[in-house]
Amino acid sequence: MPVDLRAEFTGAGMTVLKGNLNYRRLVGDRLWPPVILFGGMVGYLSSPVVALRTLKSDVIVGVDAATVAWLDGSGTAWRISGRHAVV
């Protein structure tokens, strides 16, 4: 994270991000295994983080293995359809 942007977040009680693109930036816009913990991905921020997002891309973290297996077995494009969301 650029130093000037990090300074903007310093002292924040909570950081709230909204939207698919902001979420993707937050977790590095990579195809991580979906079971990687969200908190481990955003630990570089100095405050607690809340991300609000409708799934419209394959990038996702913080989903438990049973949920991933259920959604993968549903036969739908759950990661990109816009029908699911995460907080």
PDB file of N, CA and C in Angstrom:
ATOM      1  N   MET A   1       0.854  -1.170   0.000  1.00  0.00           N
ATOM      2  CA  MET A   1       0.000   0.000   0.000  1.00  0.00           C
ATOM      3  C   MET A   1       0.903   1.236   0.000  1.00  0.00           C
ATOM      4  N   PRO A   2       0.621   2.216  -0.845  1.00  0.00           N
ATOM      5  CA  PRO A   2       1.424   3.441  -0.858  1.00  0.00           C
ATOM      6  C   PRO A   2       1.393   4.140   0.503  1.00  0.00           C
ATOM      7  N   VAL A   3       2.505   4.751   0.856  1.00  0.00           N
ATOM      8  CA  VAL A   3       2.655   5.381   2.166  1.00  0.00           C
ATOM      9  C   VAL A   3       1.588   6.446   2.405  1.00  0.00           C
ATOM     10  N   ASP A   4       1.287   7.270   1.413  1.00  0.00           N
ATOM     11  CA  ASP A   4       0.295   8.329   1.604  1.00  0.00           C
ATOM     12  C   ASP A   4      -1.103   7.760   1.837  1.00  0.00           C
ATOM     13  N   LEU A   5      -1.424   6.662   1.165  1.00  0.00           N
ATOM     14  CA  LEU A   5      -2.723   6.028   1.375  1.00  0.00           C
ATOM     15  C   LEU A   5      -2.780   5.367   2.751  1.00  0.00           C
ATOM     16  N   ARG A   6      -1.695   4.730   3.172  1.00  0.00           N
ATOM     17  CA  ARG A   6      -1.638   4.130   4.506  1.00  0.00           C
ATOM     18  C   ARG A   6      -1.862   5.200   5.569  1.00  0.00           C
ATOM     19  N   ALA A   7      -1.302   6.379   5.374  1.00  0.00           N
ATOM     20  CA  ALA A   7      -1.472   7.476   6.333  1.00  0.00           C
ATOM     21  C   ALA A   7      -2.937   7.897   6.433  1.00  0.00           C
ATOM     22  N   GLU A   8      -3.672   7.838   5.329  1.00  0.00           N
ATOM     23  CA  GLU A   8      -5.090   8.189   5.340  1.00  0.00           C
ATOM     24  C   GLU A   8      -5.906   7.241   6.227  1.00  0.00           C
ATOM     25  N   PHE A   9      -5.501   5.979   6.283  1.00  0.00           N
ATOM     26  CA  PHE A   9      -6.219   4.982   7.074  1.00  0.00           C
ATOM     27  C   PHE A   9      -5.792   4.947   8.536  1.00  0.00           C
ATOM     28  N   THR A  10      -4.652   5.511   8.858  1.00  0.00           N
ATOM     29  CA  THR A  10      -4.153   5.483  10.226  1.00  0.00           C
ATOM     30  C   THR A  10      -5.127   6.199  11.154  1.00  0.00           C
ATOM     31  N   GLY A  11      -5.462   5.545  12.238  1.00  0.00           N
ATOM     32  CA  GLY A  11      -6.371   6.124  13.216  1.00  0.00           C
ATOM     33  C   GLY A  11      -7.843   5.865  12.949  1.00  0.00           C
ATOM     34  N   ALA A  12      -8.150   5.219  11.839  1.00  0.00           N
ATOM     35  CA  ALA A  12      -9.557   4.916  11.536  1.00  0.00           C
ATOM     36  C   ALA A  12     -10.069   3.855  12.507  1.00  0.00           C
ATOM     37  N   GLY A  13     -11.299   4.012  12.961  1.00  0.00           N
ATOM     38  CA  GLY A  13     -11.907   3.017  13.833  1.00  0.00           C
ATOM     39  C   GLY A  13     -12.337   1.778  13.071  1.00  0.00           C
ATOM     40  N   MET A  14     -12.669   1.956  11.798  1.00  0.00           N
ATOM     41  CA  MET A  14     -13.066   0.853  10.932  1.00  0.00           C
ATOM     42  C   MET A  14     -12.976   1.334   9.488  1.00  0.00           C
ATOM     43  N   THR A  15     -12.623   0.422   8.608  1.00  0.00           N
ATOM     44  CA  THR A  15     -12.585   0.719   7.184  1.00  0.00           C
ATOM     45  C   THR A  15     -13.695  -0.077   6.516  1.00  0.00           C
ATOM     46  N   VAL A  16     -14.570   0.608   5.785  1.00  0.00           N
ATOM     47  CA  VAL A  16     -15.672  -0.036   5.081  1.00  0.00           C
ATOM     48  C   VAL A  16     -15.444   0.141   3.585  1.00  0.00           C
ATOM     49  N   LEU A  17     -15.426  -0.965   2.870  1.00  0.00           N
ATOM     50  CA  LEU A  17     -15.276  -0.923   1.424  1.00  0.00           C
ATOM     51  C   LEU A  17     -16.501  -1.554   0.794  1.00  0.00           C
ATOM     52  N   LYS A  18     -16.948  -0.974  -0.307  1.00  0.00           N
ATOM     53  CA  LYS A  18     -18.147  -1.455  -0.991  1.00  0.00           C
ATOM     54  C   LYS A  18     -17.811  -1.699  -2.450  1.00  0.00           C
ATOM     55  N   GLY A  19     -18.324  -2.795  -2.962  1.00  0.00           N
ATOM     56  CA  GLY A  19     -18.211  -3.044  -4.389  1.00  0.00           C
ATOM     57  C   GLY A  19     -17.209  -4.115  -4.754  1.00  0.00           C
ATOM     58  N   ASN A  20     -17.463  -4.735  -5.891  1.00  0.00           N
ATOM     59  CA  ASN A  20     -16.648  -5.836  -6.375  1.00  0.00           C
ATOM     60  C   ASN A  20     -15.214  -5.404  -6.653  1.00  0.00           C
ATOM     61  N   LEU A  21     -15.027  -4.291  -7.333  1.00  0.00           N
ATOM     62  CA  LEU A  21     -13.675  -3.850  -7.675  1.00  0.00           C
ATOM     63  C   LEU A  21     -12.877  -3.500  -6.425  1.00  0.00           C
ATOM     64  N   ASN A  22     -13.472  -2.808  -5.470  1.00  0.00           N
ATOM     65  CA  ASN A  22     -12.761  -2.485  -4.235  1.00  0.00           C
ATOM     66  C   ASN A  22     -12.389  -3.743  -3.470  1.00  0.00           C
ATOM     67  N   TYR A  23     -13.266  -4.731  -3.443  1.00  0.00           N
ATOM     68  CA  TYR A  23     -12.971  -6.016  -2.797  1.00  0.00           C
ATOM     69  C   TYR A  23     -11.782  -6.680  -3.476  1.00  0.00           C
ATOM     70  N   ARG A  24     -11.812  -6.712  -4.795  1.00  0.00           N
ATOM     71  CA  ARG A  24     -10.719  -7.343  -5.536  1.00  0.00           C
ATOM     72  C   ARG A  24      -9.398  -6.646  -5.254  1.00  0.00           C
ATOM     73  N   ARG A  25      -9.396  -5.341  -5.200  1.00  0.00           N
ATOM     74  CA  ARG A  25      -8.170  -4.606  -4.852  1.00  0.00           C
ATOM     75  C   ARG A  25      -7.722  -4.935  -3.434  1.00  0.00           C
ATOM     76  N   LEU A  26      -8.678  -5.036  -2.533  1.00  0.00           N
ATOM     77  CA  LEU A  26      -8.393  -5.303  -1.126  1.00  0.00           C
ATOM     78  C   LEU A  26      -7.640  -6.618  -0.941  1.00  0.00           C
ATOM     79  N   VAL A  27      -8.010  -7.655  -1.695  1.00  0.00           N
ATOM     80  CA  VAL A  27      -7.382  -8.971  -1.544  1.00  0.00           C
ATOM     81  C   VAL A  27      -6.363  -9.274  -2.641  1.00  0.00           C
ATOM     82  N   GLY A  28      -5.942  -8.271  -3.379  1.00  0.00           N
ATOM     83  CA  GLY A  28      -4.874  -8.447  -4.352  1.00  0.00           C
ATOM     84  C   GLY A  28      -5.312  -8.906  -5.727  1.00  0.00           C
ATOM     85  N   ASP A  29      -6.614  -8.983  -5.991  1.00  0.00           N
ATOM     86  CA  ASP A  29      -7.162  -9.358  -7.301  1.00  0.00           C
ATOM     87  C   ASP A  29      -6.505 -10.616  -7.877  1.00  0.00           C
ATOM     88  N   ARG A  30      -6.381 -11.630  -7.025  1.00  0.00           N
ATOM     89  CA  ARG A  30      -5.798 -12.902  -7.444  1.00  0.00           C
ATOM     90  C   ARG A  30      -6.776 -14.032  -7.144  1.00  0.00           C
ATOM     91  N   LEU A  31      -6.595 -15.137  -7.828  1.00  0.00           N
ATOM     92  CA  LEU A  31      -7.454 -16.299  -7.607  1.00  0.00           C
ATOM     93  C   LEU A  31      -6.912 -17.121  -6.436  1.00  0.00           C
ATOM     94  N   TRP A  32      -7.115 -16.600  -5.236  1.00  0.00           N
ATOM     95  CA  TRP A  32      -6.718 -17.309  -4.025  1.00  0.00           C
ATOM     96  C   TRP A  32      -7.669 -18.483  -3.810  1.00  0.00           C
ATOM     97  N   PRO A  33      -7.217 -19.505  -3.084  1.00  0.00           N
ATOM     98  CA  PRO A  33      -8.183 -20.521  -2.668  1.00  0.00           C
ATOM     99  C   PRO A  33      -9.262 -19.837  -1.819  1.00  0.00           C
ATOM    100  N   PRO A  34     -10.521 -20.115  -2.060  1.00  0.00           N
ATOM    101  CA  PRO A  34     -11.585 -19.377  -1.373  1.00  0.00           C
ATOM    102  C   PRO A  34     -11.624 -19.582   0.137  1.00  0.00           C
ATOM    103  N   VAL A  35     -10.942 -20.608   0.633  1.00  0.00           N
ATOM    104  CA  VAL A  35     -10.972 -20.881   2.072  1.00  0.00           C
ATOM    105  C   VAL A  35      -9.908 -20.110   2.852  1.00  0.00           C
ATOM    106  N   ILE A  36      -9.041 -19.357   2.165  1.00  0.00           N
ATOM    107  CA  ILE A  36      -8.061 -18.511   2.867  1.00  0.00           C
ATOM    108  C   ILE A  36      -8.836 -17.500   3.703  1.00  0.00           C
ATOM    109  N   LEU A  37      -8.388 -17.276   4.922  1.00  0.00           N
ATOM    110  CA  LEU A  37      -9.087 -16.363   5.822  1.00  0.00           C
ATOM    111  C   LEU A  37      -9.018 -14.922   5.332  1.00  0.00           C
ATOM    112  N   PHE A  38     -10.159 -14.263   5.327  1.00  0.00           N
ATOM    113  CA  PHE A  38     -10.251 -12.864   4.917  1.00  0.00           C
ATOM    114  C   PHE A  38      -9.347 -11.982   5.773  1.00  0.00           C
ATOM    115  N   GLY A  39      -9.357 -12.192   7.086  1.00  0.00           N
ATOM    116  CA  GLY A  39      -8.552 -11.381   7.992  1.00  0.00           C
ATOM    117  C   GLY A  39      -7.071 -11.455   7.699  1.00  0.00           C
ATOM    118  N   GLY A  40      -6.604 -12.608   7.253  1.00  0.00           N
ATOM    119  CA  GLY A  40      -5.199 -12.747   6.891  1.00  0.00           C
ATOM    120  C   GLY A  40      -4.834 -11.985   5.632  1.00  0.00           C
ATOM    121  N   MET A  41      -5.812 -11.763   4.782  1.00  0.00           N
ATOM    122  CA  MET A  41      -5.569 -11.057   3.522  1.00  0.00           C
ATOM    123  C   MET A  41      -5.562  -9.543   3.688  1.00  0.00           C
ATOM    124  N   VAL A  42      -6.240  -9.042   4.710  1.00  0.00           N
ATOM    125  CA  VAL A  42      -6.381  -7.588   4.859  1.00  0.00           C
ATOM    126  C   VAL A  42      -5.654  -7.070   6.095  1.00  0.00           C
ATOM    127  N   GLY A  43      -4.768  -7.874   6.652  1.00  0.00           N
ATOM    128  CA  GLY A  43      -4.042  -7.495   7.854  1.00  0.00           C
ATOM    129  C   GLY A  43      -3.131  -6.299   7.684  1.00  0.00           C
ATOM    130  N   TYR A  44      -2.873  -5.895   6.457  1.00  0.00           N
ATOM    131  CA  TYR A  44      -2.008  -4.745   6.218  1.00  0.00           C
ATOM    132  C   TYR A  44      -2.701  -3.429   6.557  1.00  0.00           C
ATOM    133  N   LEU A  45      -4.023  -3.445   6.710  1.00  0.00           N
ATOM    134  CA  LEU A  45      -4.739  -2.234   7.124  1.00  0.00           C
ATOM    135  C   LEU A  45      -4.670  -2.102   8.640  1.00  0.00           C
ATOM    136  N   SER A  46      -4.645  -0.897   9.121  1.00  0.00           N
ATOM    137  CA  SER A  46      -4.446  -0.662  10.554  1.00  0.00           C
ATOM    138  C   SER A  46      -5.742  -0.657  11.357  1.00  0.00           C
ATOM    139  N   SER A  47      -6.870  -0.938  10.726  1.00  0.00           N
ATOM    140  CA  SER A  47      -8.143  -0.944  11.438  1.00  0.00           C
ATOM    141  C   SER A  47      -8.949  -2.172  11.002  1.00  0.00           C
ATOM    142  N   PRO A  48      -9.999  -2.515  11.752  1.00  0.00           N
ATOM    143  CA  PRO A  48     -10.894  -3.581  11.290  1.00  0.00           C
ATOM    144  C   PRO A  48     -11.492  -3.223   9.930  1.00  0.00           C
ATOM    145  N   VAL A  49     -11.773  -4.242   9.133  1.00  0.00           N
ATOM    146  CA  VAL A  49     -12.260  -4.034   7.764  1.00  0.00           C
ATOM    147  C   VAL A  49     -13.602  -4.728   7.570  1.00  0.00           C
ATOM    148  N   VAL A  50     -14.532  -4.030   6.928  1.00  0.00           N
ATOM    149  CA  VAL A  50     -15.790  -4.608   6.479  1.00  0.00           C
ATOM    150  C   VAL A  50     -15.852  -4.393   4.973  1.00  0.00           C
ATOM    151  N   ALA A  51     -16.116  -5.464   4.247  1.00  0.00           N
ATOM    152  CA  ALA A  51     -16.250  -5.370   2.792  1.00  0.00           C
ATOM    153  C   ALA A  51     -17.649  -5.834   2.411  1.00  0.00           C
ATOM    154  N   LEU A  52     -18.345  -5.032   1.630  1.00  0.00           N
ATOM    155  CA  LEU A  52     -19.691  -5.340   1.135  1.00  0.00           C
ATOM    156  C   LEU A  52     -19.562  -5.574  -0.365  1.00  0.00           C
ATOM    157  N   ARG A  53     -19.995  -6.738  -0.820  1.00  0.00           N
ATOM    158  CA  ARG A  53     -19.730  -7.063  -2.211  1.00  0.00           C
ATOM    159  C   ARG A  53     -20.736  -8.050  -2.776  1.00  0.00           C
ATOM    160  N   THR A  54     -21.206  -7.777  -3.986  1.00  0.00           N
ATOM    161  CA  THR A  54     -21.952  -8.746  -4.780  1.00  0.00           C
ATOM    162  C   THR A  54     -20.929  -9.473  -5.636  1.00  0.00           C
ATOM    163  N   LEU A  55     -21.008 -10.802  -5.672  1.00  0.00           N
ATOM    164  CA  LEU A  55     -20.009 -11.592  -6.406  1.00  0.00           C
ATOM    165  C   LEU A  55     -20.221 -11.454  -7.909  1.00  0.00           C
ATOM    166  N   LYS A  56     -19.211 -10.858  -8.556  1.00  0.00           N
ATOM    167  CA  LYS A  56     -19.248 -10.672 -10.003  1.00  0.00           C
ATOM    168  C   LYS A  56     -17.907 -11.024 -10.641  1.00  0.00           C
ATOM    169  N   SER A  57     -17.035 -11.680  -9.877  1.00  0.00           N
ATOM    170  CA  SER A  57     -15.755 -12.156 -10.403  1.00  0.00           C
ATOM    171  C   SER A  57     -15.335 -13.379  -9.600  1.00  0.00           C
ATOM    172  N   ASP A  58     -14.357 -14.101 -10.106  1.00  0.00           N
ATOM    173  CA  ASP A  58     -13.909 -15.330  -9.454  1.00  0.00           C
ATOM    174  C   ASP A  58     -13.159 -15.087  -8.142  1.00  0.00           C
ATOM    175  N   VAL A  59     -12.714 -13.879  -7.892  1.00  0.00           N
ATOM    176  CA  VAL A  59     -11.928 -13.581  -6.699  1.00  0.00           C
ATOM    177  C   VAL A  59     -12.817 -13.662  -5.457  1.00  0.00           C
ATOM    178  N   ILE A  60     -12.437 -14.551  -4.515  1.00  0.00           N
ATOM    179  CA  ILE A  60     -13.194 -14.710  -3.269  1.00  0.00           C
ATOM    180  C   ILE A  60     -12.283 -15.351  -2.226  1.00  0.00           C
ATOM    181  N   VAL A  61     -12.356 -14.871  -1.004  1.00  0.00           N
ATOM    182  CA  VAL A  61     -11.659 -15.478   0.135  1.00  0.00           C
ATOM    183  C   VAL A  61     -12.609 -15.477   1.328  1.00  0.00           C
ATOM    184  N   GLY A  62     -12.264 -16.262   2.346  1.00  0.00           N
ATOM    185  CA  GLY A  62     -13.028 -16.253   3.576  1.00  0.00           C
ATOM    186  C   GLY A  62     -14.296 -17.069   3.582  1.00  0.00           C
ATOM    187  N   VAL A  63     -14.422 -18.009   2.663  1.00  0.00           N
ATOM    188  CA  VAL A  63     -15.615 -18.858   2.610  1.00  0.00           C
ATOM    189  C   VAL A  63     -15.227 -20.240   3.138  1.00  0.00           C
ATOM    190  N   ASP A  64     -16.012 -20.783   4.049  1.00  0.00           N
ATOM    191  CA  ASP A  64     -15.647 -22.081   4.615  1.00  0.00           C
ATOM    192  C   ASP A  64     -15.768 -23.183   3.566  1.00  0.00           C
ATOM    193  N   ALA A  65     -15.005 -24.255   3.770  1.00  0.00           N
ATOM    194  CA  ALA A  65     -14.898 -25.332   2.785  1.00  0.00           C
ATOM    195  C   ALA A  65     -16.241 -25.988   2.466  1.00  0.00           C
ATOM    196  N   ALA A  66     -17.093 -26.166   3.472  1.00  0.00           N
ATOM    197  CA  ALA A  66     -18.398 -26.798   3.231  1.00  0.00           C
ATOM    198  C   ALA A  66     -19.267 -25.930   2.322  1.00  0.00           C
ATOM    199  N   THR A  67     -19.240 -24.635   2.521  1.00  0.00           N
ATOM    200  CA  THR A  67     -20.022 -23.725   1.673  1.00  0.00           C
ATOM    201  C   THR A  67     -19.485 -23.714   0.254  1.00  0.00           C
ATOM    202  N   VAL A  68     -18.163 -23.679   0.104  1.00  0.00           N
ATOM    203  CA  VAL A  68     -17.562 -23.721  -1.234  1.00  0.00           C
ATOM    204  C   VAL A  68     -17.974 -25.009  -1.944  1.00  0.00           C
ATOM    205  N   ALA A  69     -17.892 -26.139  -1.252  1.00  0.00           N
ATOM    206  CA  ALA A  69     -18.264 -27.425  -1.864  1.00  0.00           C
ATOM    207  C   ALA A  69     -19.734 -27.422  -2.277  1.00  0.00           C
ATOM    208  N   TRP A  70     -20.605 -26.892  -1.427  1.00  0.00           N
ATOM    209  CA  TRP A  70     -22.028 -26.848  -1.741  1.00  0.00           C
ATOM    210  C   TRP A  70     -22.292 -25.961  -2.957  1.00  0.00           C
ATOM    211  N   LEU A  71     -21.682 -24.779  -2.976  1.00  0.00           N
ATOM    212  CA  LEU A  71     -21.884 -23.860  -4.099  1.00  0.00           C
ATOM    213  C   LEU A  71     -21.268 -24.402  -5.384  1.00  0.00           C
ATOM    214  N   ASP A  72     -20.062 -24.976  -5.286  1.00  0.00           N
ATOM    215  CA  ASP A  72     -19.447 -25.568  -6.478  1.00  0.00           C
ATOM    216  C   ASP A  72     -20.297 -26.701  -7.033  1.00  0.00           C
ATOM    217  N   GLY A  73     -20.957 -27.453  -6.166  1.00  0.00           N
ATOM    218  CA  GLY A  73     -21.793 -28.567  -6.601  1.00  0.00           C
ATOM    219  C   GLY A  73     -23.172 -28.165  -7.087  1.00  0.00           C
ATOM    220  N   SER A  74     -23.491 -26.882  -6.959  1.00  0.00           N
ATOM    221  CA  SER A  74     -24.828 -26.424  -7.344  1.00  0.00           C
ATOM    222  C   SER A  74     -25.029 -26.335  -8.851  1.00  0.00           C
ATOM    223  N   GLY A  75     -23.925 -26.359  -9.592  1.00  0.00           N
ATOM    224  CA  GLY A  75     -24.029 -26.270 -11.046  1.00  0.00           C
ATOM    225  C   GLY A  75     -24.243 -24.860 -11.561  1.00  0.00           C
ATOM    226  N   THR A  76     -24.137 -23.874 -10.688  1.00  0.00           N
ATOM    227  CA  THR A  76     -24.294 -22.480 -11.108  1.00  0.00           C
ATOM    228  C   THR A  76     -22.941 -21.773 -11.078  1.00  0.00           C
ATOM    229  N   ALA A  77     -22.855 -20.678 -11.760  1.00  0.00           N
ATOM    230  CA  ALA A  77     -21.643 -19.855 -11.764  1.00  0.00           C
ATOM    231  C   ALA A  77     -21.708 -18.879 -10.582  1.00  0.00           C
ATOM    232  N   TRP A  78     -21.705 -19.421  -9.378  1.00  0.00           N
ATOM    233  CA  TRP A  78     -21.958 -18.633  -8.175  1.00  0.00           C
ATOM    234  C   TRP A  78     -20.962 -17.508  -7.956  1.00  0.00           C
ATOM    235  N   ARG A  79     -19.760 -17.657  -8.431  1.00  0.00           N
ATOM    236  CA  ARG A  79     -18.745 -16.610  -8.195  1.00  0.00           C
ATOM    237  C   ARG A  79     -18.943 -15.390  -9.094  1.00  0.00           C
ATOM    238  N   ILE A  80     -19.615 -15.552 -10.205  1.00  0.00           N
ATOM    239  CA  ILE A  80     -19.702 -14.452 -11.174  1.00  0.00           C
ATOM    240  C   ILE A  80     -21.130 -14.038 -11.524  1.00  0.00           C
ATOM    241  N   SER A  81     -22.124 -14.724 -11.016  1.00  0.00           N
ATOM    242  CA  SER A  81     -23.498 -14.497 -11.455  1.00  0.00           C
ATOM    243  C   SER A  81     -24.136 -13.225 -10.912  1.00  0.00           C
ATOM    244  N   GLY A  82     -23.593 -12.678  -9.827  1.00  0.00           N
ATOM    245  CA  GLY A  82     -24.220 -11.519  -9.195  1.00  0.00           C
ATOM    246  C   GLY A  82     -25.392 -11.879  -8.303  1.00  0.00           C
ATOM    247  N   ARG A  83     -25.647 -13.176  -8.118  1.00  0.00           N
ATOM    248  CA  ARG A  83     -26.777 -13.631  -7.290  1.00  0.00           C
ATOM    249  C   ARG A  83     -26.392 -13.825  -5.828  1.00  0.00           C
ATOM    250  N   HIS A  84     -25.096 -13.824  -5.531  1.00  0.00           N
ATOM    251  CA  HIS A  84     -24.610 -14.021  -4.167  1.00  0.00           C
ATOM    252  C   HIS A  84     -23.806 -12.802  -3.744  1.00  0.00           C
ATOM    253  N   ALA A  85     -23.745 -12.610  -2.440  1.00  0.00           N
ATOM    254  CA  ALA A  85     -23.002 -11.470  -1.904  1.00  0.00           C
ATOM    255  C   ALA A  85     -22.296 -11.893  -0.628  1.00  0.00           C
ATOM    256  N   VAL A  86     -21.314 -11.112  -0.228  1.00  0.00           N
ATOM    257  CA  VAL A  86     -20.602 -11.354   1.031  1.00  0.00           C
ATOM    258  C   VAL A  86     -20.484 -10.049   1.807  1.00  0.00           C
ATOM    259  N   VAL A  87     -20.418 -10.189   3.115  1.00  0.00           N
ATOM    260  CA  VAL A  87     -20.135  -9.070   4.014  1.00  0.00           C
ATOM    261  C   VAL A  87     -18.994  -9.513   4.877  1.00  0.00           C
TER     262      VAL A  87
END
